[in-house]
N, C-alpha and C. Protein backbone atom coordinates (compact mmCIF):
# COMPACT_ATOMS: atom_id res chain seq x y z
N MET A 1 -21.58 0.42 17.53
CA MET A 1 -20.48 1.23 16.87
C MET A 1 -19.24 0.81 16.84
N LYS A 2 -18.58 1.40 15.82
CA LYS A 2 -17.08 0.89 15.66
C LYS A 2 -15.89 1.70 15.97
N ARG A 3 -14.43 1.42 16.32
CA ARG A 3 -14.01 2.43 16.38
C ARG A 3 -13.50 3.17 15.19
N GLU A 4 -13.94 3.16 13.91
CA GLU A 4 -13.91 4.17 13.12
C GLU A 4 -14.62 4.78 13.15
N ASP A 5 -16.14 4.56 13.58
CA ASP A 5 -17.07 5.67 13.98
C ASP A 5 -16.85 6.77 14.80
N VAL A 6 -15.91 6.31 15.90
CA VAL A 6 -15.65 6.97 16.63
C VAL A 6 -14.66 8.16 16.13
N THR A 7 -13.75 7.95 15.65
CA THR A 7 -12.58 8.91 14.83
C THR A 7 -14.05 9.79 13.87
N ASP A 8 -14.81 9.17 12.91
CA ASP A 8 -15.58 9.91 12.15
C ASP A 8 -16.20 11.13 12.96
N LEU A 9 -16.93 10.32 14.08
CA LEU A 9 -17.47 11.48 14.98
C LEU A 9 -16.78 12.52 15.63
N ILE A 10 -15.32 12.04 16.05
CA ILE A 10 -14.45 13.12 16.45
C ILE A 10 -14.12 14.35 15.10
N VAL A 11 -13.76 13.68 14.42
CA VAL A 11 -12.97 14.52 13.17
C VAL A 11 -14.53 15.54 12.91
N PHE A 12 -15.58 15.28 12.79
CA PHE A 12 -16.79 15.81 12.19
C PHE A 12 -17.09 16.99 13.42
N ARG A 13 -17.05 16.68 14.60
CA ARG A 13 -17.06 17.34 15.75
C ARG A 13 -16.09 18.57 16.12
N LYS A 14 -14.47 18.19 15.88
CA LYS A 14 -13.44 18.98 15.65
C LYS A 14 -13.71 20.01 14.53
N MET A 15 -13.82 19.83 13.57
CA MET A 15 -14.36 20.32 12.12
C MET A 15 -15.26 21.23 12.63
N LYS A 16 -16.56 21.02 13.21
CA LYS A 16 -17.68 21.84 13.94
C LYS A 16 -17.32 22.74 14.84
N SER A 17 -16.21 22.49 15.64
CA SER A 17 -16.42 23.40 17.00
C SER A 17 -14.89 24.28 16.24
N GLY A 18 -14.12 23.88 15.17
CA GLY A 18 -13.26 24.77 15.35
C GLY A 18 -11.65 24.54 15.98
N ILE A 19 -11.60 23.66 17.18
CA ILE A 19 -10.69 23.45 17.87
C ILE A 19 -9.46 22.83 17.23
N LYS A 20 -8.79 23.22 17.64
CA LYS A 20 -6.93 22.88 17.14
C LYS A 20 -6.49 21.54 17.56
N TRP A 21 -5.64 20.99 17.01
CA TRP A 21 -5.37 20.04 17.52
C TRP A 21 -4.33 20.37 18.93
N PRO A 22 -3.38 21.32 19.08
CA PRO A 22 -3.18 21.87 20.09
C PRO A 22 -3.49 21.92 21.14
N GLU A 23 -4.82 22.43 21.36
CA GLU A 23 -5.96 22.67 21.85
C GLU A 23 -6.41 21.58 22.93
N ILE A 24 -6.51 20.30 21.85
CA ILE A 24 -7.30 19.13 22.38
C ILE A 24 -6.29 18.52 23.47
N ALA A 25 -5.06 18.54 22.72
CA ALA A 25 -3.58 17.70 23.33
C ALA A 25 -3.52 18.67 24.98
N LYS A 26 -3.94 19.44 25.18
CA LYS A 26 -3.65 20.03 26.10
C LYS A 26 -5.06 19.34 27.27
N LYS A 27 -6.16 19.45 26.63
CA LYS A 27 -6.74 18.88 27.71
C LYS A 27 -6.77 17.61 28.06
N VAL A 28 -6.19 16.72 26.84
CA VAL A 28 -5.48 15.02 27.04
C VAL A 28 -4.48 15.07 27.90
N GLY A 29 -3.52 15.88 28.18
CA GLY A 29 -2.19 15.92 28.54
C GLY A 29 -1.25 14.73 28.09
N ALA A 30 -1.26 15.61 26.47
CA ALA A 30 0.09 14.75 25.49
C ALA A 30 -0.12 15.36 24.53
N SER A 31 1.21 15.02 23.58
CA SER A 31 1.40 16.16 22.55
C SER A 31 0.61 16.33 21.48
N LYS A 32 0.21 17.27 20.70
CA LYS A 32 -0.19 17.62 19.67
C LYS A 32 -0.29 16.26 19.01
N GLU A 33 0.93 15.91 18.64
CA GLU A 33 1.03 14.72 17.41
C GLU A 33 0.31 13.60 17.89
N TRP A 34 0.74 12.76 19.32
CA TRP A 34 0.16 12.27 20.00
C TRP A 34 -1.62 11.65 19.78
N THR A 35 -1.77 12.84 20.11
CA THR A 35 -3.13 13.06 20.35
C THR A 35 -3.64 12.97 18.99
N ALA A 36 -3.38 13.20 18.12
CA ALA A 36 -3.90 13.35 16.59
C ALA A 36 -4.18 11.90 16.57
N ALA A 37 -2.73 11.18 16.44
CA ALA A 37 -2.88 10.12 16.27
C ALA A 37 -4.05 9.00 17.08
N ALA A 38 -4.04 8.92 18.20
CA ALA A 38 -5.24 8.86 19.12
C ALA A 38 -6.74 8.93 18.80
N CYS A 39 -6.83 9.74 18.31
CA CYS A 39 -8.14 10.40 17.91
C CYS A 39 -8.55 9.92 16.44
N LEU A 40 -7.38 9.58 16.01
CA LEU A 40 -7.62 9.25 14.26
C LEU A 40 -7.57 7.69 14.30
N GLY A 41 -7.60 6.82 15.63
CA GLY A 41 -7.34 5.62 15.88
C GLY A 41 -6.41 4.66 15.74
N GLN A 42 -5.40 5.34 15.76
CA GLN A 42 -3.81 4.43 16.11
C GLN A 42 -3.15 4.64 17.19
N MET A 43 -3.90 5.00 18.40
CA MET A 43 -3.07 5.01 19.75
C MET A 43 -4.38 4.64 20.47
N GLN A 44 -4.18 3.74 21.77
CA GLN A 44 -4.76 3.58 23.04
C GLN A 44 -4.81 4.60 24.12
N MET A 45 -5.88 5.13 24.07
CA MET A 45 -6.02 6.05 25.79
C MET A 45 -6.37 5.55 27.04
N THR A 46 -5.51 6.31 27.80
CA THR A 46 -6.04 6.01 29.19
C THR A 46 -7.66 6.31 29.41
N LYS A 47 -8.15 5.83 30.39
CA LYS A 47 -9.56 6.42 31.03
C LYS A 47 -9.81 7.64 31.15
N LYS A 48 -8.74 8.60 32.21
CA LYS A 48 -8.72 9.54 31.91
C LYS A 48 -8.77 10.56 30.67
N GLN A 49 -7.59 10.05 29.63
CA GLN A 49 -7.65 10.58 28.30
C GLN A 49 -8.87 10.73 27.77
N ALA A 50 -9.53 9.46 27.19
CA ALA A 50 -10.69 9.12 26.62
C ALA A 50 -11.91 9.55 27.42
N GLU A 51 -11.71 10.20 28.62
CA GLU A 51 -13.10 10.74 29.24
C GLU A 51 -12.69 12.53 28.85
N ALA A 52 -11.56 12.75 28.78
CA ALA A 52 -11.34 14.03 28.54
C ALA A 52 -11.99 14.42 27.05
N VAL A 53 -11.57 13.44 26.17
CA VAL A 53 -12.16 13.74 24.71
C VAL A 53 -13.09 13.81 24.49
N GLY A 54 -13.92 12.50 25.41
CA GLY A 54 -15.74 12.40 25.45
C GLY A 54 -16.12 13.75 25.81
N LYS A 55 -15.78 14.31 26.63
CA LYS A 55 -16.14 15.36 27.58
C LYS A 55 -16.10 16.50 26.11
N LEU A 56 -14.83 16.83 25.70
CA LEU A 56 -14.76 17.95 24.90
C LEU A 56 -15.59 17.75 23.92
N PHE A 57 -15.57 16.72 23.03
CA PHE A 57 -16.42 16.35 22.26
C PHE A 57 -17.71 15.63 21.90
N ASP A 58 -18.60 15.82 23.40
CA ASP A 58 -19.76 15.21 23.45
C ASP A 58 -20.05 14.10 23.39
N LEU A 59 -19.16 12.85 23.29
CA LEU A 59 -19.23 11.31 22.81
C LEU A 59 -19.92 10.67 23.32
N PRO A 60 -20.41 9.76 23.16
CA PRO A 60 -21.62 8.80 23.78
C PRO A 60 -20.67 7.76 24.38
N GLU A 61 -20.94 7.15 25.82
CA GLU A 61 -20.23 6.18 26.62
C GLU A 61 -19.31 4.91 25.80
N GLU A 62 -19.79 4.77 24.49
CA GLU A 62 -19.39 3.26 23.70
C GLU A 62 -18.36 4.25 23.16
N ALA A 63 -18.45 5.09 22.52
CA ALA A 63 -17.04 6.09 22.31
C ALA A 63 -16.19 5.97 23.09
N VAL A 64 -16.10 6.64 24.36
CA VAL A 64 -15.01 7.00 25.29
C VAL A 64 -14.57 5.49 25.55
N MET A 65 -15.13 4.43 25.66
CA MET A 65 -14.43 2.94 25.85
C MET A 65 -13.69 2.58 24.47
N LEU A 66 -14.46 2.75 23.59
CA LEU A 66 -13.59 2.57 22.55
C LEU A 66 -12.17 2.93 22.52
N LEU A 67 -12.13 4.31 22.72
CA LEU A 67 -10.81 5.19 22.64
C LEU A 67 -9.81 4.21 23.39
N GLN A 68 -10.33 3.59 24.53
CA GLN A 68 -9.45 2.97 25.61
C GLN A 68 -9.41 1.77 24.86
N THR A 69 -9.45 1.08 23.90
CA THR A 69 -9.19 -0.15 23.25
C THR A 69 -7.81 -0.07 22.27
N VAL A 70 -7.42 -1.19 22.77
CA VAL A 70 -6.07 -1.37 21.59
C VAL A 70 -6.36 -1.33 19.71
N PRO A 71 -5.91 -0.18 19.49
CA PRO A 71 -6.52 -0.09 18.01
C PRO A 71 -5.54 -1.20 16.74
N TYR A 72 -6.12 -1.16 15.79
CA TYR A 72 -5.34 -1.81 14.36
C TYR A 72 -4.75 -1.00 14.01
N LYS A 73 -3.41 -0.57 14.23
CA LYS A 73 -2.38 0.24 14.08
C LYS A 73 -2.06 0.19 12.14
N GLY A 74 -1.65 1.04 11.46
CA GLY A 74 -1.57 0.99 10.47
C GLY A 74 -2.60 0.74 9.48
N SER A 75 -3.92 1.26 9.59
CA SER A 75 -4.58 0.50 8.66
C SER A 75 -5.43 1.60 7.79
N LEU A 76 -4.16 1.69 6.69
CA LEU A 76 -4.74 2.54 5.77
C LEU A 76 -5.37 1.93 4.89
N PRO A 77 -6.46 2.88 4.10
CA PRO A 77 -7.46 1.81 3.24
C PRO A 77 -6.70 1.02 2.26
N THR A 78 -5.49 1.50 1.68
CA THR A 78 -5.03 0.93 0.61
C THR A 78 -3.89 0.75 0.96
N ALA A 79 -3.04 -0.20 0.32
CA ALA A 79 -1.40 -1.02 0.76
C ALA A 79 -0.06 0.35 -0.04
N VAL A 80 -0.56 1.11 -1.21
CA VAL A 80 -0.03 2.54 -1.49
C VAL A 80 -1.50 2.77 -1.23
N PRO A 81 -0.69 4.75 -0.10
CA PRO A 81 -1.82 5.36 0.11
C PRO A 81 -2.30 6.07 -1.57
N THR A 82 -3.25 6.72 -1.15
CA THR A 82 -3.95 7.40 -2.55
C THR A 82 -3.96 9.07 -2.42
N ASP A 83 -3.78 9.45 -0.48
CA ASP A 83 -4.16 10.63 -0.38
C ASP A 83 -3.10 11.23 -0.97
N PRO A 84 -2.52 12.18 -1.42
CA PRO A 84 -1.77 12.97 -2.08
C PRO A 84 -0.45 13.44 -0.96
N LEU A 85 -1.14 13.99 0.18
CA LEU A 85 -0.02 14.25 1.52
C LEU A 85 0.59 12.80 1.99
N VAL A 86 -0.39 12.13 2.46
CA VAL A 86 0.27 10.50 2.94
C VAL A 86 1.07 10.04 1.76
N TYR A 87 0.89 9.97 0.84
CA TYR A 87 1.57 9.11 -0.01
C TYR A 87 2.98 9.77 -0.77
N ARG A 88 3.33 11.07 -0.11
CA ARG A 88 4.48 12.00 -0.33
C ARG A 88 5.66 11.13 1.01
N PHE A 89 5.10 10.70 2.21
CA PHE A 89 5.16 9.97 2.97
C PHE A 89 6.08 8.54 2.53
N TYR A 90 5.00 7.76 1.68
CA TYR A 90 5.45 6.72 0.99
C TYR A 90 6.43 6.77 0.47
N GLU A 91 6.43 8.05 -0.51
CA GLU A 91 7.50 8.18 -2.02
C GLU A 91 8.94 8.58 -1.12
N LEU A 92 8.57 9.36 0.11
CA LEU A 92 9.89 9.60 0.74
C LEU A 92 10.79 8.47 0.98
N VAL A 93 10.40 7.69 1.68
CA VAL A 93 10.78 5.92 2.08
C VAL A 93 10.96 5.23 0.95
N ASN A 94 10.45 5.37 -0.33
CA ASN A 94 10.94 4.26 -1.39
C ASN A 94 11.87 5.37 -1.96
N ALA A 95 12.00 6.74 -1.86
CA ALA A 95 13.08 7.46 -2.90
C ALA A 95 14.23 7.32 -1.55
N PHE A 96 14.21 7.31 -0.35
CA PHE A 96 15.42 7.79 0.36
C PHE A 96 15.66 6.11 1.73
N GLY A 97 14.27 5.61 1.58
CA GLY A 97 14.39 4.54 2.61
C GLY A 97 15.70 3.70 2.74
N THR A 98 16.40 3.56 1.64
CA THR A 98 18.13 2.70 2.06
C THR A 98 18.98 3.62 2.07
N THR A 99 18.77 5.03 1.95
CA THR A 99 19.37 5.90 2.58
C THR A 99 19.45 6.11 4.54
N PHE A 100 18.56 6.10 4.41
CA PHE A 100 18.05 5.84 6.16
C PHE A 100 18.60 4.77 6.59
N LYS A 101 18.57 3.43 6.03
CA LYS A 101 18.86 2.24 6.39
C LYS A 101 20.50 2.10 6.75
N ALA A 102 21.00 2.44 5.25
CA ALA A 102 22.28 2.93 5.43
C ALA A 102 23.10 3.78 6.82
N LEU A 103 22.34 4.90 6.78
CA LEU A 103 23.11 5.87 7.50
C LEU A 103 23.02 5.11 9.29
N ILE A 104 21.63 4.16 9.55
CA ILE A 104 21.34 4.13 10.83
C ILE A 104 22.16 3.14 11.25
N HIS A 105 22.52 1.99 9.81
CA HIS A 105 23.21 1.01 10.23
C HIS A 105 24.68 1.29 10.59
N GLU A 106 25.17 2.45 9.62
CA GLU A 106 26.61 2.82 9.99
C GLU A 106 26.70 3.43 11.28
N GLU A 107 25.83 4.16 11.46
CA GLU A 107 25.99 5.17 13.05
C GLU A 107 25.61 4.12 13.97
N PHE A 108 25.04 3.33 14.35
CA PHE A 108 24.23 2.03 15.01
C PHE A 108 24.22 0.84 15.36
N GLY A 109 24.56 0.27 13.95
CA GLY A 109 24.94 -1.07 13.92
C GLY A 109 23.97 -1.66 13.33
N ASP A 110 23.45 -3.14 13.48
CA ASP A 110 22.40 -4.05 12.87
C ASP A 110 21.08 -3.82 13.77
N GLY A 111 20.38 -2.82 12.98
CA GLY A 111 18.90 -2.76 13.93
C GLY A 111 17.87 -2.13 13.65
N ILE A 112 16.93 -1.54 14.03
CA ILE A 112 16.02 -0.78 14.06
C ILE A 112 15.60 0.11 14.81
N MET A 113 14.92 1.50 14.13
CA MET A 113 14.60 2.50 14.85
C MET A 113 12.99 2.05 14.88
N SER A 114 12.72 2.19 16.69
CA SER A 114 11.54 1.67 17.26
C SER A 114 10.29 2.58 16.57
N ALA A 115 9.21 2.18 16.55
CA ALA A 115 7.85 2.97 16.23
C ALA A 115 7.17 3.07 17.48
N ILE A 116 7.76 2.04 18.63
CA ILE A 116 6.54 2.11 19.59
C ILE A 116 7.33 2.97 20.93
N ASP A 117 8.85 3.18 20.77
CA ASP A 117 9.21 3.89 22.05
C ASP A 117 9.68 4.76 21.11
N TYR A 118 9.21 6.00 20.81
CA TYR A 118 8.88 6.76 19.36
C TYR A 118 8.31 8.06 19.84
N GLU A 119 8.73 9.24 19.33
CA GLU A 119 8.48 10.57 19.91
C GLU A 119 8.59 11.06 18.21
N MET A 120 7.62 12.37 17.95
CA MET A 120 7.48 13.03 16.76
C MET A 120 7.06 14.75 16.90
N ASP A 121 7.70 15.32 16.16
CA ASP A 121 7.33 16.76 16.46
C ASP A 121 7.06 17.42 15.43
N LEU A 122 6.46 18.06 15.38
CA LEU A 122 5.79 18.81 14.08
C LEU A 122 5.82 20.44 14.30
N THR A 123 6.29 21.15 13.47
CA THR A 123 6.15 22.35 13.57
C THR A 123 6.55 23.19 12.04
N ARG A 124 6.08 24.76 11.81
CA ARG A 124 5.57 25.22 10.85
C ARG A 124 7.17 26.46 10.88
N LEU A 125 7.76 26.00 9.61
CA LEU A 125 8.72 27.18 9.61
C LEU A 125 8.61 27.95 8.53
N PRO A 126 8.28 29.65 9.40
CA PRO A 126 8.10 30.83 8.09
C PRO A 126 9.29 30.40 7.17
N ASN A 127 8.89 31.00 6.00
CA ASN A 127 9.81 30.90 4.75
C ASN A 127 9.65 32.02 3.68
N GLU A 128 10.38 32.74 3.59
CA GLU A 128 9.69 33.87 2.23
C GLU A 128 9.25 33.00 0.75
N LYS A 129 9.89 32.17 0.76
CA LYS A 129 10.08 31.55 -0.76
C LYS A 129 8.25 30.19 -0.28
N GLY A 130 7.96 30.37 0.77
CA GLY A 130 6.90 29.84 1.03
C GLY A 130 7.02 28.73 2.47
N ASP A 131 5.97 28.81 3.76
CA ASP A 131 6.41 28.06 4.55
C ASP A 131 7.21 26.71 4.22
N ARG A 132 7.53 26.04 5.64
CA ARG A 132 7.94 24.50 5.54
C ARG A 132 7.69 23.58 6.55
N VAL A 133 7.20 22.49 6.21
CA VAL A 133 7.18 21.60 6.94
C VAL A 133 8.48 20.83 7.95
N LYS A 134 8.82 21.37 9.39
CA LYS A 134 9.63 20.45 9.87
C LYS A 134 9.10 19.10 10.81
N ILE A 135 9.55 18.19 10.37
CA ILE A 135 8.90 16.68 11.12
C ILE A 135 10.40 16.24 11.79
N VAL A 136 9.92 15.82 13.01
CA VAL A 136 11.49 15.29 13.69
C VAL A 136 10.66 14.21 14.20
N LEU A 137 11.06 12.87 13.98
CA LEU A 137 11.50 11.63 14.30
C LEU A 137 12.33 11.13 15.26
N SER A 138 11.90 10.52 16.78
CA SER A 138 12.94 10.37 17.24
C SER A 138 12.50 8.64 18.02
N GLY A 139 13.14 7.94 17.31
CA GLY A 139 12.95 6.41 18.28
C GLY A 139 14.02 6.05 18.79
N LYS A 140 13.58 4.96 19.59
CA LYS A 140 14.81 4.12 20.05
C LYS A 140 15.51 3.43 19.26
N TYR A 141 16.63 3.11 19.38
CA TYR A 141 17.10 2.05 18.29
C TYR A 141 17.17 0.97 19.29
N LEU A 142 17.21 -0.14 18.47
CA LEU A 142 17.24 -1.53 19.01
C LEU A 142 17.66 -2.54 18.24
N GLN A 143 18.76 -2.89 18.78
CA GLN A 143 19.82 -3.68 17.82
C GLN A 143 19.58 -5.11 18.27
N TYR A 144 19.43 -5.73 17.06
CA TYR A 144 19.56 -7.11 16.84
C TYR A 144 19.83 -8.02 17.51
N LYS A 145 19.54 -9.23 18.15
CA LYS A 145 20.38 -9.98 18.98
C LYS A 145 20.46 -11.47 18.56
N THR A 146 21.60 -11.53 18.53
CA THR A 146 21.99 -13.32 18.30
C THR A 146 21.64 -13.93 19.06
N TYR A 147 21.00 -15.28 18.85
CA TYR A 147 20.44 -16.07 19.86
C TYR A 147 20.49 -17.22 19.47
């Protein structure tokens, strides 16, 4: 069994059961955003978290073990995403990446926003013209050092 097989199994059983990410997250003890990332193969779970997911989705022991391994992060199937939703984020970075960089550097100096010491929150905002997606990204600022 490979980690990708575990993801496929979780996605299938999630779909079959009809359970939503917030419900899964509650059982895992983490945010819905982190839990989804972990179940989709991008984060390492603790033994307790992996066992909770294993119990919820009736996963084999090997799958529970693989949920606890360090994943190969950022493992999209292509360099440029082809999925329309994922591609929009790629498009956002292409269009606004230099703006993010300029504004962050002006506010903080020469450094980066961490994707390790990081939090994300995704919410739905009702709107009469069509509901909107609100995503808040919060990463620790890391200053480049002189050595």
